[in-house]
Amino acid sequence: MKLHTVVLGTIVVLLTCCEVFATDKESSQTKEDVAHAGLATRKGGKRLRTTLKLYDTEERGVLSWFKDRSQLKHWVDVGASDDIVMKELGLTGQTGTALMGQQKYKRLQEFWANIEDTKINAMIDDGISTNKVWRQLGLDTLSIEELKNSDRFLTYLRYATKYDDKIFWRNDPLTGPVVFYDGTKEEKLVKVWIWAAADRPEDYVKSMLLLDNTPQDKLMENVYYAEFVRLQLAKKWEELGR
């Protein structure tokens, strides 16, 4: 639940309470006023109970969310095994489609994603290049078509995307990951896909391809830069067609 929802719920409660109190004060005037006040109070009380019920439901939702986040962080921090996490989630013994159909499977996926993210950040901090990860995953033996159907390729894609993010968003070029310009033709092509998907500016792409000083009329001779431009144009046409 967002903070503004909590604030709004609190304001509604306060306004409802004020309305009830104001009505009770006015009810001491006349018999007719008492009748109207009683009606207003009953309606106000109903609104108050409804509002408090909704607020309580959302509050429990927030507490549940924080509990889940805290538990997830604990698992990641202590390096909990899959067996331990599955046991605590009540998923022990579940496999395949039966596992994926469980309500808490999403939390197991979140655990896996956080573990992988932690490992990726550690590897980047250790200066492990995207090219080394590419080779360690055995992707240098696969064609582009084979890559698209490989789970190992998805692992590389997450690593290379995070690596590129850290390069692009760093404030000081002397800090953060080292830029590696080497790589197979296929790996460089994948990096072009990452840049296009992330809408990297052309100056950044030229820098990553060592084309900073290349004349404008010569840029399209570089197959990777040409592919980046083609992908950008394709994205624009796709957006116009929506």
C-alpha atoms as a PDB file:
ATOM      1  CA  MET A   1       0.000   0.000   0.000  1.00  0.00           C
ATOM      2  CA  LYS A   2       1.311   3.456  -0.901  1.00  0.00           C
ATOM      3  CA  LEU A   3       1.908   6.139   1.717  1.00  0.00           C
ATOM      4  CA  HIS A   4      -0.657   8.521   0.200  1.00  0.00           C
ATOM      5  CA  THR A   5      -3.326   5.810   0.660  1.00  0.00           C
ATOM      6  CA  VAL A   6      -2.561   5.657   4.395  1.00  0.00           C
ATOM      7  CA  VAL A   7      -2.686   9.454   4.652  1.00  0.00           C
ATOM      8  CA  LEU A   8      -5.977   9.604   2.741  1.00  0.00           C
ATOM      9  CA  GLY A   9      -7.473   6.903   4.950  1.00  0.00           C
ATOM     10  CA  THR A  10      -6.410   8.809   8.085  1.00  0.00           C
ATOM     11  CA  ILE A  11      -7.938  12.064   6.784  1.00  0.00           C
ATOM     12  CA  VAL A  12     -11.236  10.316   6.016  1.00  0.00           C
ATOM     13  CA  VAL A  13     -11.322   8.889   9.550  1.00  0.00           C
ATOM     14  CA  LEU A  14     -10.648  12.322  11.061  1.00  0.00           C
ATOM     15  CA  LEU A  15     -13.276  14.047   8.916  1.00  0.00           C
ATOM     16  CA  THR A  16     -15.868  11.368   9.758  1.00  0.00           C
ATOM     17  CA  CYS A  17     -15.146  11.696  13.463  1.00  0.00           C
ATOM     18  CA  CYS A  18     -15.444  15.479  13.265  1.00  0.00           C
ATOM     19  CA  GLU A  19     -18.814  15.123  11.527  1.00  0.00           C
ATOM     20  CA  VAL A  20     -20.075  12.817  14.273  1.00  0.00           C
ATOM     21  CA  PHE A  21     -18.879  15.114  17.065  1.00  0.00           C
ATOM     22  CA  ALA A  22     -20.398  18.167  15.381  1.00  0.00           C
ATOM     23  CA  THR A  23     -23.740  16.393  15.002  1.00  0.00           C
ATOM     24  CA  ASP A  24     -23.811  15.338  18.660  1.00  0.00           C
ATOM     25  CA  LYS A  25     -23.222  18.947  19.734  1.00  0.00           C
ATOM     26  CA  GLU A  26     -26.058  20.245  17.591  1.00  0.00           C
ATOM     27  CA  SER A  27     -28.447  17.532  18.859  1.00  0.00           C
ATOM     28  CA  SER A  28     -28.961  19.334  22.168  1.00  0.00           C
ATOM     29  CA  GLN A  29     -30.883  22.202  20.466  1.00  0.00           C
ATOM     30  CA  THR A  30     -34.428  20.961  19.684  1.00  0.00           C
ATOM     31  CA  LYS A  31     -36.398  17.732  19.316  1.00  0.00           C
ATOM     32  CA  GLU A  32     -36.319  18.147  15.546  1.00  0.00           C
ATOM     33  CA  ASP A  33     -32.594  18.733  15.704  1.00  0.00           C
ATOM     34  CA  VAL A  34     -32.230  15.620  17.838  1.00  0.00           C
ATOM     35  CA  ALA A  35     -34.035  13.514  15.237  1.00  0.00           C
ATOM     36  CA  HIS A  36     -31.864  14.796  12.422  1.00  0.00           C
ATOM     37  CA  ALA A  37     -28.734  14.499  14.561  1.00  0.00           C
ATOM     38  CA  GLY A  38     -29.528  10.896  15.424  1.00  0.00           C
ATOM     39  CA  LEU A  39     -29.858  10.041  11.738  1.00  0.00           C
ATOM     40  CA  ALA A  40     -26.623  11.797  10.882  1.00  0.00           C
ATOM     41  CA  THR A  41     -24.826  10.094  13.764  1.00  0.00           C
ATOM     42  CA  ARG A  42     -25.951   6.648  12.693  1.00  0.00           C
ATOM     43  CA  LYS A  43     -24.827   7.300   9.123  1.00  0.00           C
ATOM     44  CA  GLY A  44     -21.607   8.836  10.352  1.00  0.00           C
ATOM     45  CA  GLY A  45     -20.959   5.850  12.615  1.00  0.00           C
ATOM     46  CA  LYS A  46     -21.520   3.466   9.725  1.00  0.00           C
ATOM     47  CA  ARG A  47     -19.110   5.405   7.535  1.00  0.00           C
ATOM     48  CA  LEU A  48     -16.580   5.478  10.350  1.00  0.00           C
ATOM     49  CA  ARG A  49     -16.794   1.711  10.912  1.00  0.00           C
ATOM     50  CA  THR A  50     -16.484   1.086   7.156  1.00  0.00           C
ATOM     51  CA  THR A  51     -13.511   3.434   6.884  1.00  0.00           C
ATOM     52  CA  LEU A  52     -11.780   1.920   9.902  1.00  0.00           C
ATOM     53  CA  LYS A  53     -12.371  -1.566   8.494  1.00  0.00           C
ATOM     54  CA  LEU A  54     -10.791  -0.587   5.168  1.00  0.00           C
ATOM     55  CA  TYR A  55      -7.921   1.135   6.946  1.00  0.00           C
ATOM     56  CA  ASP A  56      -7.328  -1.906   9.149  1.00  0.00           C
ATOM     57  CA  THR A  57      -7.326  -4.182   6.085  1.00  0.00           C
ATOM     58  CA  GLU A  58      -4.757  -2.006   4.328  1.00  0.00           C
ATOM     59  CA  GLU A  59      -2.689  -1.744   7.511  1.00  0.00           C
ATOM     60  CA  ARG A  60      -2.563  -5.536   7.789  1.00  0.00           C
ATOM     61  CA  GLY A  61      -1.535  -5.616   4.118  1.00  0.00           C
ATOM     62  CA  VAL A  62       1.373  -3.279   4.838  1.00  0.00           C
ATOM     63  CA  LEU A  63       2.498  -5.332   7.826  1.00  0.00           C
ATOM     64  CA  SER A  64       2.309  -8.521   5.747  1.00  0.00           C
ATOM     65  CA  TRP A  65       4.340  -6.880   2.959  1.00  0.00           C
ATOM     66  CA  PHE A  66       7.046  -5.730   5.381  1.00  0.00           C
ATOM     67  CA  LYS A  67       7.121  -9.179   6.987  1.00  0.00           C
ATOM     68  CA  ASP A  68       7.634 -10.807   3.586  1.00  0.00           C
ATOM     69  CA  ARG A  69      10.354  -8.289   2.653  1.00  0.00           C
ATOM     70  CA  SER A  70      12.134  -8.829   5.968  1.00  0.00           C
ATOM     71  CA  GLN A  71      11.997 -12.605   5.584  1.00  0.00           C
ATOM     72  CA  LEU A  72      13.288 -12.393   2.008  1.00  0.00           C
ATOM     73  CA  LYS A  73      16.179 -10.158   3.063  1.00  0.00           C
ATOM     74  CA  HIS A  74      17.061 -12.565   5.870  1.00  0.00           C
ATOM     75  CA  TRP A  75      17.177 -15.528   3.479  1.00  0.00           C
ATOM     76  CA  VAL A  76      19.443 -13.649   1.089  1.00  0.00           C
ATOM     77  CA  ASP A  77      21.717 -12.270   3.829  1.00  0.00           C
ATOM     78  CA  VAL A  78      22.335 -15.682   5.417  1.00  0.00           C
ATOM     79  CA  GLY A  79      22.604 -17.459   2.064  1.00  0.00           C
ATOM     80  CA  ALA A  80      19.692 -19.786   2.777  1.00  0.00           C
ATOM     81  CA  SER A  81      19.452 -22.870   0.584  1.00  0.00           C
ATOM     82  CA  ASP A  82      16.515 -23.629  -1.701  1.00  0.00           C
ATOM     83  CA  ASP A  83      15.501 -26.485   0.633  1.00  0.00           C
ATOM     84  CA  ILE A  84      15.262 -24.173   3.643  1.00  0.00           C
ATOM     85  CA  VAL A  85      13.300 -21.503   1.778  1.00  0.00           C
ATOM     86  CA  MET A  86      10.912 -24.042   0.260  1.00  0.00           C
ATOM     87  CA  LYS A  87      10.341 -25.592   3.698  1.00  0.00           C
ATOM     88  CA  GLU A  88       9.501 -22.227   5.260  1.00  0.00           C
ATOM     89  CA  LEU A  89       7.161 -21.454   2.365  1.00  0.00           C
ATOM     90  CA  GLY A  90       5.459 -24.820   2.697  1.00  0.00           C
ATOM     91  CA  LEU A  91       6.613 -25.918  -0.767  1.00  0.00           C
ATOM     92  CA  THR A  92       8.723 -28.932   0.184  1.00  0.00           C
ATOM     93  CA  GLY A  93       8.170 -31.846  -2.171  1.00  0.00           C
ATOM     94  CA  GLN A  94       6.538 -29.722  -4.864  1.00  0.00           C
ATOM     95  CA  THR A  95       8.108 -29.852  -8.338  1.00  0.00           C
ATOM     96  CA  GLY A  96       7.342 -28.905 -11.925  1.00  0.00           C
ATOM     97  CA  THR A  97       3.885 -27.573 -12.734  1.00  0.00           C
ATOM     98  CA  ALA A  98       2.638 -28.479  -9.261  1.00  0.00           C
ATOM     99  CA  LEU A  99       5.264 -26.158  -7.752  1.00  0.00           C
ATOM    100  CA  MET A 100       4.587 -23.352 -10.218  1.00  0.00           C
ATOM    101  CA  GLY A 101       0.887 -23.557  -9.436  1.00  0.00           C
ATOM    102  CA  GLN A 102       1.399 -22.837  -5.732  1.00  0.00           C
ATOM    103  CA  GLN A 103       0.425 -19.405  -4.426  1.00  0.00           C
ATOM    104  CA  LYS A 104       3.805 -18.911  -2.710  1.00  0.00           C
ATOM    105  CA  TYR A 105       5.831 -19.881  -5.783  1.00  0.00           C
ATOM    106  CA  LYS A 106       6.105 -16.183  -6.619  1.00  0.00           C
ATOM    107  CA  ARG A 107       7.977 -15.605  -3.359  1.00  0.00           C
ATOM    108  CA  LEU A 108      10.352 -18.439  -4.220  1.00  0.00           C
ATOM    109  CA  GLN A 109      10.998 -16.765  -7.575  1.00  0.00           C
ATOM    110  CA  GLU A 110      11.674 -13.470  -5.777  1.00  0.00           C
ATOM    111  CA  PHE A 111      14.217 -15.276  -3.592  1.00  0.00           C
ATOM    112  CA  TRP A 112      15.968 -16.711  -6.646  1.00  0.00           C
ATOM    113  CA  ALA A 113      15.985 -13.305  -8.360  1.00  0.00           C
ATOM    114  CA  ASN A 114      17.456 -11.614  -5.274  1.00  0.00           C
ATOM    115  CA  ILE A 115      20.136 -14.285  -4.894  1.00  0.00           C
ATOM    116  CA  GLU A 116      21.117 -13.874  -8.545  1.00  0.00           C
ATOM    117  CA  ASP A 117      21.101 -10.077  -8.236  1.00  0.00           C
ATOM    118  CA  THR A 118      23.397 -10.282  -5.202  1.00  0.00           C
ATOM    119  CA  LYS A 119      25.798 -12.576  -7.070  1.00  0.00           C
ATOM    120  CA  ILE A 120      25.762 -10.324 -10.139  1.00  0.00           C
ATOM    121  CA  ASN A 121      26.604  -7.227  -8.087  1.00  0.00           C
ATOM    122  CA  ALA A 122      29.456  -9.081  -6.362  1.00  0.00           C
ATOM    123  CA  MET A 123      30.851 -10.263  -9.701  1.00  0.00           C
ATOM    124  CA  ILE A 124      30.700  -6.749 -11.152  1.00  0.00           C
ATOM    125  CA  ASP A 125      32.431  -5.346  -8.062  1.00  0.00           C
ATOM    126  CA  ASP A 126      35.128  -7.990  -8.551  1.00  0.00           C
ATOM    127  CA  GLY A 127      35.702  -6.692 -12.080  1.00  0.00           C
ATOM    128  CA  ILE A 128      34.522  -9.778 -13.959  1.00  0.00           C
ATOM    129  CA  SER A 129      33.935  -8.697 -17.556  1.00  0.00           C
ATOM    130  CA  THR A 130      30.871  -9.507 -19.593  1.00  0.00           C
ATOM    131  CA  ASN A 131      33.112 -11.321 -22.071  1.00  0.00           C
ATOM    132  CA  LYS A 132      34.417 -13.632 -19.348  1.00  0.00           C
ATOM    133  CA  VAL A 133      30.850 -14.447 -18.258  1.00  0.00           C
ATOM    134  CA  TRP A 134      29.949 -15.046 -21.910  1.00  0.00           C
ATOM    135  CA  ARG A 135      32.735 -17.600 -22.240  1.00  0.00           C
ATOM    136  CA  GLN A 136      32.157 -19.222 -18.842  1.00  0.00           C
ATOM    137  CA  LEU A 137      28.531 -19.836 -19.808  1.00  0.00           C
ATOM    138  CA  GLY A 138      29.700 -21.474 -23.022  1.00  0.00           C
ATOM    139  CA  LEU A 139      27.857 -18.983 -25.207  1.00  0.00           C
ATOM    140  CA  ASP A 140      30.813 -18.545 -27.556  1.00  0.00           C
ATOM    141  CA  THR A 141      29.921 -21.894 -29.139  1.00  0.00           C
ATOM    142  CA  LEU A 142      26.296 -20.980 -29.908  1.00  0.00           C
ATOM    143  CA  SER A 143      24.787 -19.230 -32.919  1.00  0.00           C
ATOM    144  CA  ILE A 144      22.423 -16.262 -32.569  1.00  0.00           C
ATOM    145  CA  GLU A 145      19.410 -18.530 -33.094  1.00  0.00           C
ATOM    146  CA  GLU A 146      20.664 -20.993 -30.470  1.00  0.00           C
ATOM    147  CA  LEU A 147      21.260 -18.141 -28.038  1.00  0.00           C
ATOM    148  CA  LYS A 148      17.636 -17.049 -28.155  1.00  0.00           C
ATOM    149  CA  ASN A 149      16.510 -20.428 -26.777  1.00  0.00           C
ATOM    150  CA  SER A 150      19.190 -20.771 -24.092  1.00  0.00           C
ATOM    151  CA  ASP A 151      18.615 -20.246 -20.364  1.00  0.00           C
ATOM    152  CA  ARG A 152      22.337 -19.532 -20.040  1.00  0.00           C
ATOM    153  CA  PHE A 153      21.876 -16.652 -22.450  1.00  0.00           C
ATOM    154  CA  LEU A 154      19.184 -15.157 -20.183  1.00  0.00           C
ATOM    155  CA  THR A 155      21.663 -15.292 -17.299  1.00  0.00           C
ATOM    156  CA  TYR A 156      24.236 -13.462 -19.413  1.00  0.00           C
ATOM    157  CA  LEU A 157      21.640 -10.930 -20.518  1.00  0.00           C
ATOM    158  CA  ARG A 158      20.806 -10.045 -16.917  1.00  0.00           C
ATOM    159  CA  TYR A 159      24.502  -9.729 -16.075  1.00  0.00           C
ATOM    160  CA  ALA A 160      25.365  -7.609 -19.119  1.00  0.00           C
ATOM    161  CA  THR A 161      22.344  -5.355 -18.610  1.00  0.00           C
ATOM    162  CA  LYS A 162      23.240  -4.706 -14.969  1.00  0.00           C
ATOM    163  CA  TYR A 163      26.889  -4.152 -15.962  1.00  0.00           C
ATOM    164  CA  ASP A 164      25.885  -1.637 -18.627  1.00  0.00           C
ATOM    165  CA  ASP A 165      23.538   0.144 -16.216  1.00  0.00           C
ATOM    166  CA  LYS A 166      26.373   0.664 -13.764  1.00  0.00           C
ATOM    167  CA  ILE A 167      28.576   2.108 -16.524  1.00  0.00           C
ATOM    168  CA  PHE A 168      25.876   4.374 -17.908  1.00  0.00           C
ATOM    169  CA  TRP A 169      24.657   5.786 -14.590  1.00  0.00           C
ATOM    170  CA  ARG A 170      27.967   6.237 -12.790  1.00  0.00           C
ATOM    171  CA  ASN A 171      28.850   9.797 -11.822  1.00  0.00           C
ATOM    172  CA  ASP A 172      32.625   9.433 -12.086  1.00  0.00           C
ATOM    173  CA  PRO A 173      34.159   7.680 -15.139  1.00  0.00           C
ATOM    174  CA  LEU A 174      37.106   6.642 -12.957  1.00  0.00           C
ATOM    175  CA  THR A 175      34.855   4.590 -10.670  1.00  0.00           C
ATOM    176  CA  GLY A 176      32.586   1.633 -11.271  1.00  0.00           C
ATOM    177  CA  PRO A 177      32.985  -1.202 -13.781  1.00  0.00           C
ATOM    178  CA  VAL A 178      35.777  -1.169 -16.337  1.00  0.00           C
ATOM    179  CA  VAL A 179      34.595  -0.827 -19.929  1.00  0.00           C
ATOM    180  CA  PHE A 180      35.659  -3.868 -21.985  1.00  0.00           C
ATOM    181  CA  TYR A 181      35.568  -3.425 -25.738  1.00  0.00           C
ATOM    182  CA  ASP A 182      36.502  -6.985 -26.703  1.00  0.00           C
ATOM    183  CA  GLY A 183      34.084  -9.797 -27.450  1.00  0.00           C
ATOM    184  CA  THR A 184      32.842 -12.073 -30.166  1.00  0.00           C
ATOM    185  CA  LYS A 185      30.669 -10.756 -32.970  1.00  0.00           C
ATOM    186  CA  GLU A 186      27.614 -12.345 -31.350  1.00  0.00           C
ATOM    187  CA  GLU A 187      28.320 -10.840 -27.922  1.00  0.00           C
ATOM    188  CA  LYS A 188      28.795  -7.360 -29.371  1.00  0.00           C
ATOM    189  CA  LEU A 189      25.523  -7.750 -31.218  1.00  0.00           C
ATOM    190  CA  VAL A 190      23.775  -8.655 -27.958  1.00  0.00           C
ATOM    191  CA  LYS A 191      25.196  -5.509 -26.342  1.00  0.00           C
ATOM    192  CA  VAL A 192      23.717  -3.501 -29.206  1.00  0.00           C
ATOM    193  CA  TRP A 193      20.327  -5.056 -28.395  1.00  0.00           C
ATOM    194  CA  ILE A 194      20.771  -4.025 -24.750  1.00  0.00           C
ATOM    195  CA  TRP A 195      21.616  -0.438 -25.716  1.00  0.00           C
ATOM    196  CA  ALA A 196      18.652  -0.220 -28.052  1.00  0.00           C
ATOM    197  CA  ALA A 197      16.261  -1.695 -25.487  1.00  0.00           C
ATOM    198  CA  ALA A 198      17.494   0.777 -22.860  1.00  0.00           C
ATOM    199  CA  ASP A 199      17.278   3.754 -25.264  1.00  0.00           C
ATOM    200  CA  ARG A 200      20.908   4.657 -24.772  1.00  0.00           C
ATOM    201  CA  PRO A 201      21.878   7.950 -26.475  1.00  0.00           C
ATOM    202  CA  GLU A 202      23.898   7.731 -29.671  1.00  0.00           C
ATOM    203  CA  ASP A 203      26.915   9.440 -28.106  1.00  0.00           C
ATOM    204  CA  TYR A 204      27.070   6.704 -25.467  1.00  0.00           C
ATOM    205  CA  VAL A 205      26.834   3.960 -28.087  1.00  0.00           C
ATOM    206  CA  LYS A 206      29.551   5.595 -30.212  1.00  0.00           C
ATOM    207  CA  SER A 207      31.784   5.782 -27.141  1.00  0.00           C
ATOM    208  CA  MET A 208      31.216   2.110 -26.315  1.00  0.00           C
ATOM    209  CA  LEU A 209      32.056   1.170 -29.910  1.00  0.00           C
ATOM    210  CA  LEU A 210      35.167   3.423 -29.959  1.00  0.00           C
ATOM    211  CA  LEU A 211      33.600   5.608 -32.647  1.00  0.00           C
ATOM    212  CA  ASP A 212      33.883   8.988 -30.908  1.00  0.00           C
ATOM    213  CA  ASN A 213      36.120  10.483 -33.572  1.00  0.00           C
ATOM    214  CA  THR A 214      34.551   8.742 -36.556  1.00  0.00           C
ATOM    215  CA  PRO A 215      33.126  11.159 -39.187  1.00  0.00           C
ATOM    216  CA  GLN A 216      29.344  11.171 -39.390  1.00  0.00           C
ATOM    217  CA  ASP A 217      29.315   9.860 -42.955  1.00  0.00           C
ATOM    218  CA  LYS A 218      31.437   6.870 -41.904  1.00  0.00           C
ATOM    219  CA  LEU A 219      29.470   5.759 -38.840  1.00  0.00           C
ATOM    220  CA  MET A 220      27.074   3.486 -40.735  1.00  0.00           C
ATOM    221  CA  GLU A 221      30.030   1.486 -42.019  1.00  0.00           C
ATOM    222  CA  ASN A 222      30.308   0.012 -38.524  1.00  0.00           C
ATOM    223  CA  VAL A 223      27.945  -2.976 -38.479  1.00  0.00           C
ATOM    224  CA  TYR A 224      27.157  -2.622 -34.758  1.00  0.00           C
ATOM    225  CA  TYR A 225      26.350   1.074 -34.938  1.00  0.00           C
ATOM    226  CA  ALA A 226      24.252   0.439 -38.053  1.00  0.00           C
ATOM    227  CA  GLU A 227      22.345  -2.289 -36.179  1.00  0.00           C
ATOM    228  CA  PHE A 228      21.730   0.079 -33.257  1.00  0.00           C
ATOM    229  CA  VAL A 229      20.277   2.722 -35.597  1.00  0.00           C
ATOM    230  CA  ARG A 230      18.126   0.072 -37.331  1.00  0.00           C
ATOM    231  CA  LEU A 231      16.731  -1.133 -33.999  1.00  0.00           C
ATOM    232  CA  GLN A 232      15.993   2.413 -32.866  1.00  0.00           C
ATOM    233  CA  LEU A 233      14.090   3.127 -36.071  1.00  0.00           C
ATOM    234  CA  ALA A 234      12.175  -0.134 -35.720  1.00  0.00           C
ATOM    235  CA  LYS A 235      11.141   0.850 -32.175  1.00  0.00           C
ATOM    236  CA  LYS A 236       9.917   4.249 -33.358  1.00  0.00           C
ATOM    237  CA  TRP A 237       7.842   2.689 -36.138  1.00  0.00           C
ATOM    238  CA  GLU A 238       6.394   0.218 -33.645  1.00  0.00           C
ATOM    239  CA  GLU A 239       5.427   3.044 -31.274  1.00  0.00           C
ATOM    240  CA  LEU A 240       3.809   5.007 -34.108  1.00  0.00           C
ATOM    241  CA  GLY A 241       1.788   1.944 -35.076  1.00  0.00           C
ATOM    242  CA  ARG A 242       0.257   1.491 -31.612  1.00  0.00           C
END
